[in-house]
Amino acid sequence: MNNDFNSFLEQASKSLHNSWNEFAKQIPGIVLAIIIISIGVLIAGYAAKLLRNGISRKTDDPLMINFLSKTIKLVLILVFISLSLKVAGLEGIATSLVAAAGASALILGFAFKDIGENFISGVILSFNRPFNVNDTISIGDIFGKVKTMEFRYTKLKTFDGKDVYVPNSDVIKKAVFNYTEDGFIRLDFIVGIDYEDSIERAEALILDAIRSSQEVVEDENHETFVAVDELATSTVNLKVYFWVDTLEYRKEALKIKSNIISKVKEVILKNGLNLPADIHEIKLYGSQQAIPITIQKPQKGKNQ
């Protein structure tokens, strides 16, 4: 029994000694591999910076610049890691990894389908994209400003302060509404006038009020006009359309619209037209013949 145990210890000791000797032989290669990876990371960062500067001179598209520079950096780092494994004498591991990746490509394809789909979509969007940084867009129910585009997602900032990360595949598949691509936005609002008022006169007054505003854009492609929208219960509703030149869709456009509405209201009331309130009809049922109404004169010094 003791002889067997001693034999086991001797074999274990010899095995550990041989393993240590093999590891000691690999130490210079491993150290060199670590140095190569470190230098590779620095070179990849420097190359990405040079690429970023080079692309910046040819295009002012920050999304493309950011995406391509990060892609080049990642590819270079992977190349230096592969090289370092060969220098360290671990080319067998590199070969095994490549073979394993090839053998399991189908499984990984299903497992990481969304990641791969988003990455490919990101590549497509870096070259052909319906928006740029700070454009106001909507994708599905998401509405906000474009902030950045990464490998897997596009980041939007909503106007109530939320950061939304939209998968790039959704950007490719879904309709994208760009509100600020050419800088022109058409706004509209409803004005209700009295049935007794002249529609033509109201339209003329509204158009004069709108065109007096410097923020309104009007040319052959951007027309200001008024159209009858509805014969409502209490009013004839006119819909007013006008264009503004702004890239700040949410804030500036709403401020301009507010100013225009205020001007239209002042002009209408100043020229004797009415903005009537809704008329409510009260019906009497059963034996009730009348509704008792008392009109009380407000007392001085009290708010009614």
Protein backbone atom coordinates (compact mmCIF):
# COMPACT_ATOMS: atom_id res chain seq x y z
CA MET A 1 0.00 0.00 0.00
CA ASN A 2 2.80 2.36 0.94
CA ASN A 3 4.69 1.46 -2.23
CA ASP A 4 1.62 2.31 -4.35
CA PHE A 5 1.14 5.62 -2.55
CA ASN A 6 4.82 6.52 -2.91
CA SER A 7 4.68 5.60 -6.60
CA PHE A 8 1.64 7.87 -7.02
CA LEU A 9 3.41 10.74 -5.30
CA GLU A 10 6.49 10.23 -7.44
CA GLN A 11 4.47 10.25 -10.65
CA ALA A 12 2.49 13.30 -9.53
CA SER A 13 5.69 15.12 -8.61
CA LYS A 14 7.27 14.23 -11.95
CA SER A 15 4.13 15.38 -13.79
CA LEU A 16 4.07 18.69 -11.94
CA HIS A 17 7.79 19.13 -12.58
CA ASN A 18 7.35 18.49 -16.29
CA SER A 19 4.35 20.83 -16.44
CA TRP A 20 6.32 23.53 -14.68
CA ASN A 21 9.24 23.10 -17.06
CA GLU A 22 6.88 23.36 -20.03
CA PHE A 23 5.25 26.44 -18.51
CA ALA A 24 8.65 27.99 -17.80
CA LYS A 25 9.57 27.50 -21.44
CA GLN A 26 6.35 29.30 -22.43
CA ILE A 27 6.86 32.26 -20.08
CA PRO A 28 8.94 34.37 -22.53
CA GLY A 29 6.35 33.76 -25.25
CA ILE A 30 3.48 34.63 -22.90
CA VAL A 31 5.24 37.82 -21.79
CA LEU A 32 5.87 38.72 -25.42
CA ALA A 33 2.21 37.96 -26.24
CA ILE A 34 1.07 40.33 -23.46
CA ILE A 35 3.39 43.02 -24.81
CA ILE A 36 2.06 42.47 -28.34
CA ILE A 37 -1.56 42.77 -27.12
CA SER A 38 -0.72 45.95 -25.18
CA ILE A 39 1.03 47.49 -28.17
CA GLY A 40 -1.81 46.29 -30.42
CA VAL A 41 -4.40 48.06 -28.28
CA LEU A 42 -2.37 51.29 -28.49
CA ILE A 43 -1.88 50.92 -32.25
CA ALA A 44 -5.58 50.15 -32.75
CA GLY A 45 -6.54 53.26 -30.79
CA TYR A 46 -4.09 55.41 -32.74
CA ALA A 47 -5.24 53.95 -36.09
CA ALA A 48 -8.87 54.56 -35.16
CA LYS A 49 -7.98 58.16 -34.30
CA LEU A 50 -6.20 58.65 -37.64
CA LEU A 51 -9.16 57.12 -39.46
CA ARG A 52 -11.54 59.39 -37.56
CA ASN A 53 -9.54 62.46 -38.55
CA GLY A 54 -9.28 61.30 -42.16
CA ILE A 55 -12.99 60.64 -42.49
CA SER A 56 -13.75 63.95 -40.74
CA ARG A 57 -12.02 65.81 -43.56
CA LYS A 58 -14.28 64.15 -46.13
CA THR A 59 -17.60 64.11 -44.28
CA ASP A 60 -19.22 65.89 -41.36
CA ASP A 61 -21.34 62.86 -40.47
CA PRO A 62 -20.46 62.12 -36.81
CA LEU A 63 -22.47 58.89 -36.75
CA MET A 64 -20.49 57.35 -39.62
CA ILE A 65 -17.17 58.59 -38.20
CA ASN A 66 -17.92 57.11 -34.77
CA PHE A 67 -19.16 53.77 -36.13
CA LEU A 68 -16.30 53.16 -38.60
CA SER A 69 -13.54 54.17 -36.17
CA LYS A 70 -14.87 51.78 -33.52
CA THR A 71 -15.18 48.96 -36.07
CA ILE A 72 -11.57 49.39 -37.26
CA LYS A 73 -10.33 49.48 -33.66
CA LEU A 74 -12.14 46.24 -32.80
CA VAL A 75 -10.84 44.43 -35.92
CA LEU A 76 -7.23 45.48 -35.24
CA ILE A 77 -7.42 44.34 -31.61
CA LEU A 78 -8.68 40.91 -32.72
CA VAL A 79 -5.80 40.64 -35.24
CA PHE A 80 -3.19 41.42 -32.56
CA ILE A 81 -4.75 38.91 -30.16
CA SER A 82 -4.52 36.21 -32.83
CA LEU A 83 -0.89 37.17 -33.52
CA SER A 84 -0.01 37.10 -29.82
CA LEU A 85 -1.42 33.56 -29.44
CA LYS A 86 0.85 32.37 -32.24
CA VAL A 87 3.90 34.10 -30.74
CA ALA A 88 3.18 32.48 -27.38
CA GLY A 89 3.13 29.08 -29.03
CA LEU A 90 -0.61 28.78 -28.54
CA GLU A 91 -1.52 28.70 -32.21
CA GLY A 92 -3.29 25.45 -31.47
CA ILE A 93 -5.70 27.36 -29.25
CA ALA A 94 -6.26 29.96 -31.96
CA THR A 95 -6.88 27.22 -34.53
CA SER A 96 -9.23 25.43 -32.16
CA LEU A 97 -11.13 28.61 -31.49
CA VAL A 98 -11.56 29.26 -35.21
CA ALA A 99 -12.61 25.64 -35.81
CA ALA A 100 -15.01 25.73 -32.87
CA ALA A 101 -16.46 29.01 -34.10
CA GLY A 102 -16.97 27.53 -37.55
CA ALA A 103 -18.50 24.32 -36.19
CA SER A 104 -20.84 26.20 -33.88
CA ALA A 105 -21.69 28.99 -36.33
CA LEU A 106 -25.18 27.65 -36.90
CA ILE A 107 -25.91 27.40 -33.17
CA LEU A 108 -24.43 30.83 -32.47
CA GLY A 109 -26.36 32.21 -35.42
CA PHE A 110 -29.63 31.25 -33.76
CA ALA A 111 -28.48 32.16 -30.25
CA PHE A 112 -27.18 35.61 -31.23
CA LYS A 113 -29.49 36.30 -34.14
CA ASP A 114 -30.61 39.66 -32.77
CA ILE A 115 -27.04 40.80 -32.02
CA GLY A 116 -25.85 39.91 -35.51
CA GLU A 117 -28.92 41.46 -37.10
CA ASN A 118 -28.45 44.70 -35.18
CA PHE A 119 -24.74 44.81 -36.03
CA ILE A 120 -25.35 44.33 -39.76
CA SER A 121 -28.12 46.95 -39.58
CA GLY A 122 -25.65 49.30 -37.90
CA VAL A 123 -23.18 48.79 -40.77
CA ILE A 124 -25.92 49.59 -43.30
CA LEU A 125 -27.05 52.65 -41.35
CA SER A 126 -23.51 54.00 -41.09
CA PHE A 127 -23.51 54.45 -44.89
CA ASN A 128 -27.20 54.94 -45.69
CA ARG A 129 -29.28 56.52 -42.98
CA PRO A 130 -32.45 58.66 -42.85
CA PHE A 131 -31.19 60.92 -40.03
CA ASN A 132 -28.17 62.62 -38.50
CA VAL A 133 -27.12 63.73 -35.04
CA ASN A 134 -29.64 66.09 -33.39
CA ASP A 135 -32.33 65.35 -35.99
CA THR A 136 -35.79 65.01 -34.50
CA ILE A 137 -37.28 61.69 -35.55
CA SER A 138 -39.94 59.17 -34.59
CA ILE A 139 -39.61 55.40 -34.86
CA GLY A 140 -42.84 53.65 -34.00
CA ASP A 141 -44.06 55.23 -30.76
CA ILE A 142 -40.64 56.70 -29.90
CA PHE A 143 -40.15 60.41 -30.55
CA GLY A 144 -36.97 62.34 -29.83
CA LYS A 145 -33.56 63.65 -30.92
CA VAL A 146 -30.81 61.40 -32.31
CA LYS A 147 -27.77 61.43 -30.02
CA THR A 148 -25.51 58.58 -31.15
CA MET A 149 -25.35 55.29 -33.05
CA GLU A 150 -23.49 52.24 -31.74
CA PHE A 151 -22.96 48.70 -33.05
CA ARG A 152 -26.31 47.44 -31.73
CA TYR A 153 -28.52 50.46 -31.13
CA THR A 154 -29.33 54.07 -31.95
CA LYS A 155 -29.75 56.35 -28.94
CA LEU A 156 -32.59 58.89 -28.85
CA LYS A 157 -33.27 61.58 -26.26
CA THR A 158 -36.99 62.17 -25.81
CA PHE A 159 -38.30 65.65 -25.06
CA ASP A 160 -39.31 64.65 -21.54
CA GLY A 161 -35.72 63.65 -20.74
CA LYS A 162 -35.71 59.88 -21.34
CA ASP A 163 -32.80 58.09 -23.04
CA VAL A 164 -34.15 55.46 -25.43
CA TYR A 165 -31.95 52.81 -27.07
CA VAL A 166 -33.60 51.64 -30.31
CA PRO A 167 -32.20 48.41 -31.85
CA ASN A 168 -30.67 49.14 -35.25
CA SER A 169 -32.77 46.39 -36.81
CA ASP A 170 -35.91 48.34 -35.81
CA VAL A 171 -34.50 51.45 -37.49
CA ILE A 172 -34.04 49.41 -40.68
CA LYS A 173 -37.42 47.67 -40.57
CA LYS A 174 -39.76 50.39 -39.28
CA ALA A 175 -40.83 53.67 -40.85
CA VAL A 176 -38.65 56.56 -39.68
CA PHE A 177 -40.22 60.04 -39.64
CA ASN A 178 -37.60 62.80 -39.81
CA TYR A 179 -39.06 66.15 -38.73
CA THR A 180 -35.94 68.26 -39.28
CA GLU A 181 -34.02 66.83 -42.25
CA ASP A 182 -34.54 69.89 -44.49
CA GLY A 183 -35.21 72.35 -41.64
CA PHE A 184 -38.82 73.15 -42.66
CA ILE A 185 -41.81 72.18 -40.53
CA ARG A 186 -45.49 72.75 -41.31
CA LEU A 187 -47.65 73.61 -38.31
CA ASP A 188 -51.41 74.01 -38.05
CA PHE A 189 -54.16 74.96 -35.62
CA ILE A 190 -57.94 75.45 -35.56
CA VAL A 191 -59.78 78.77 -35.27
CA GLY A 192 -63.55 78.72 -34.62
CA ILE A 193 -65.52 81.76 -35.80
CA ASP A 194 -69.20 82.65 -35.47
CA TYR A 195 -71.65 81.41 -38.13
CA GLU A 196 -72.65 85.05 -38.74
CA ASP A 197 -69.06 86.12 -39.51
CA SER A 198 -67.68 86.28 -43.06
CA ILE A 199 -65.37 83.35 -43.77
CA GLU A 200 -63.53 85.26 -46.51
CA ARG A 201 -62.86 88.22 -44.21
CA ALA A 202 -61.68 85.93 -41.40
CA GLU A 203 -59.32 84.12 -43.78
CA ALA A 204 -57.85 87.41 -45.01
CA LEU A 205 -57.28 88.70 -41.47
CA ILE A 206 -55.68 85.42 -40.36
CA LEU A 207 -53.33 85.33 -43.36
CA ASP A 208 -52.27 88.94 -42.78
CA ALA A 209 -51.53 88.18 -39.13
CA ILE A 210 -49.46 85.11 -39.98
CA ARG A 211 -47.49 86.76 -42.79
CA SER A 212 -46.57 89.65 -40.54
CA SER A 213 -44.52 87.25 -38.44
CA GLN A 214 -40.84 87.00 -39.42
CA GLU A 215 -40.61 83.37 -38.28
CA VAL A 216 -43.03 82.20 -40.99
CA VAL A 217 -41.55 80.86 -44.24
CA GLU A 218 -43.56 81.27 -47.45
CA ASP A 219 -42.39 80.49 -50.97
CA GLU A 220 -43.49 78.33 -53.90
CA ASN A 221 -42.77 75.15 -51.93
CA HIS A 222 -44.04 76.33 -48.55
CA GLU A 223 -47.47 77.92 -48.72
CA THR A 224 -49.50 79.58 -45.99
CA PHE A 225 -53.23 79.03 -46.34
CA VAL A 226 -56.53 78.72 -44.48
CA ALA A 227 -59.26 76.16 -45.22
CA VAL A 228 -62.72 75.48 -43.75
CA ASP A 229 -62.26 72.33 -41.69
CA GLU A 230 -65.66 71.72 -40.09
CA LEU A 231 -69.14 73.13 -39.51
CA ALA A 232 -69.22 72.46 -35.78
CA THR A 233 -72.14 72.89 -33.36
CA SER A 234 -71.19 76.40 -32.29
CA THR A 235 -68.55 77.52 -34.78
CA VAL A 236 -67.24 77.39 -38.31
CA ASN A 237 -63.80 75.87 -37.78
CA LEU A 238 -61.00 77.18 -39.96
CA LYS A 239 -57.75 75.24 -40.15
CA VAL A 240 -54.65 77.37 -40.50
CA TYR A 241 -51.47 76.00 -42.13
CA PHE A 242 -48.04 77.68 -42.12
CA TRP A 243 -44.36 76.75 -42.36
CA VAL A 244 -41.43 77.60 -40.11
CA ASP A 245 -37.69 77.19 -40.60
CA THR A 246 -36.25 75.50 -37.56
CA LEU A 247 -34.18 72.49 -36.55
CA GLU A 248 -35.34 72.77 -32.95
CA TYR A 249 -38.65 71.13 -33.72
CA ARG A 250 -40.13 70.73 -30.27
CA LYS A 251 -39.14 73.93 -28.46
CA GLU A 252 -38.79 76.60 -31.14
CA ALA A 253 -41.67 75.38 -33.29
CA LEU A 254 -44.07 75.35 -30.33
CA LYS A 255 -42.98 78.85 -29.29
CA ILE A 256 -43.56 80.16 -32.82
CA LYS A 257 -46.94 78.45 -33.01
CA SER A 258 -47.94 79.99 -29.66
CA ASN A 259 -47.01 83.48 -30.89
CA ILE A 260 -48.95 83.02 -34.15
CA ILE A 261 -52.08 81.85 -32.30
CA SER A 262 -51.89 84.89 -30.01
CA LYS A 263 -51.62 87.24 -33.02
CA VAL A 264 -54.56 85.60 -34.79
CA LYS A 265 -56.73 85.89 -31.68
CA GLU A 266 -55.93 89.61 -31.26
CA VAL A 267 -56.61 90.39 -34.94
CA ILE A 268 -59.94 88.55 -34.97
CA LEU A 269 -61.26 90.22 -31.82
CA LYS A 270 -59.91 93.64 -32.84
CA ASN A 271 -61.82 93.51 -36.15
CA GLY A 272 -65.18 92.65 -34.62
CA LEU A 273 -65.25 88.92 -35.34
CA ASN A 274 -66.33 86.47 -32.67
CA LEU A 275 -64.75 83.39 -31.12
CA PRO A 276 -67.89 81.83 -29.66
CA ALA A 277 -67.89 79.25 -26.91
CA ASP A 278 -69.56 75.87 -27.30
CA ILE A 279 -73.38 75.87 -27.21
CA HIS A 280 -74.92 73.33 -24.85
CA GLU A 281 -78.50 72.14 -25.34
CA ILE A 282 -80.63 71.38 -22.29
CA LYS A 283 -83.65 69.09 -22.74
CA LEU A 284 -86.64 68.79 -20.37
CA TYR A 285 -88.21 65.39 -19.81
CA GLY A 286 -91.34 64.19 -18.01
CA SER A 287 -93.51 66.71 -16.17
CA GLN A 288 -90.83 69.36 -15.83
CA GLN A 289 -91.89 72.49 -17.74
CA ALA A 290 -89.09 74.94 -16.91
CA ILE A 291 -85.72 75.33 -15.23
CA PRO A 292 -85.57 77.98 -12.52
CA ILE A 293 -82.64 80.33 -13.14
CA THR A 294 -81.55 83.15 -10.85
CA ILE A 295 -79.12 85.84 -11.98
CA GLN A 296 -77.34 87.41 -9.04
CA LYS A 297 -75.63 90.71 -9.40
CA PRO A 298 -72.05 90.48 -8.06
CA GLN A 299 -71.41 92.41 -4.88
CA LYS A 300 -68.67 95.00 -4.75
CA GLY A 301 -65.39 93.81 -3.32
CA LYS A 302 -66.15 90.13 -3.93
CA ASN A 303 -64.90 87.94 -6.73
CA GLN A 304 -67.56 85.91 -8.52
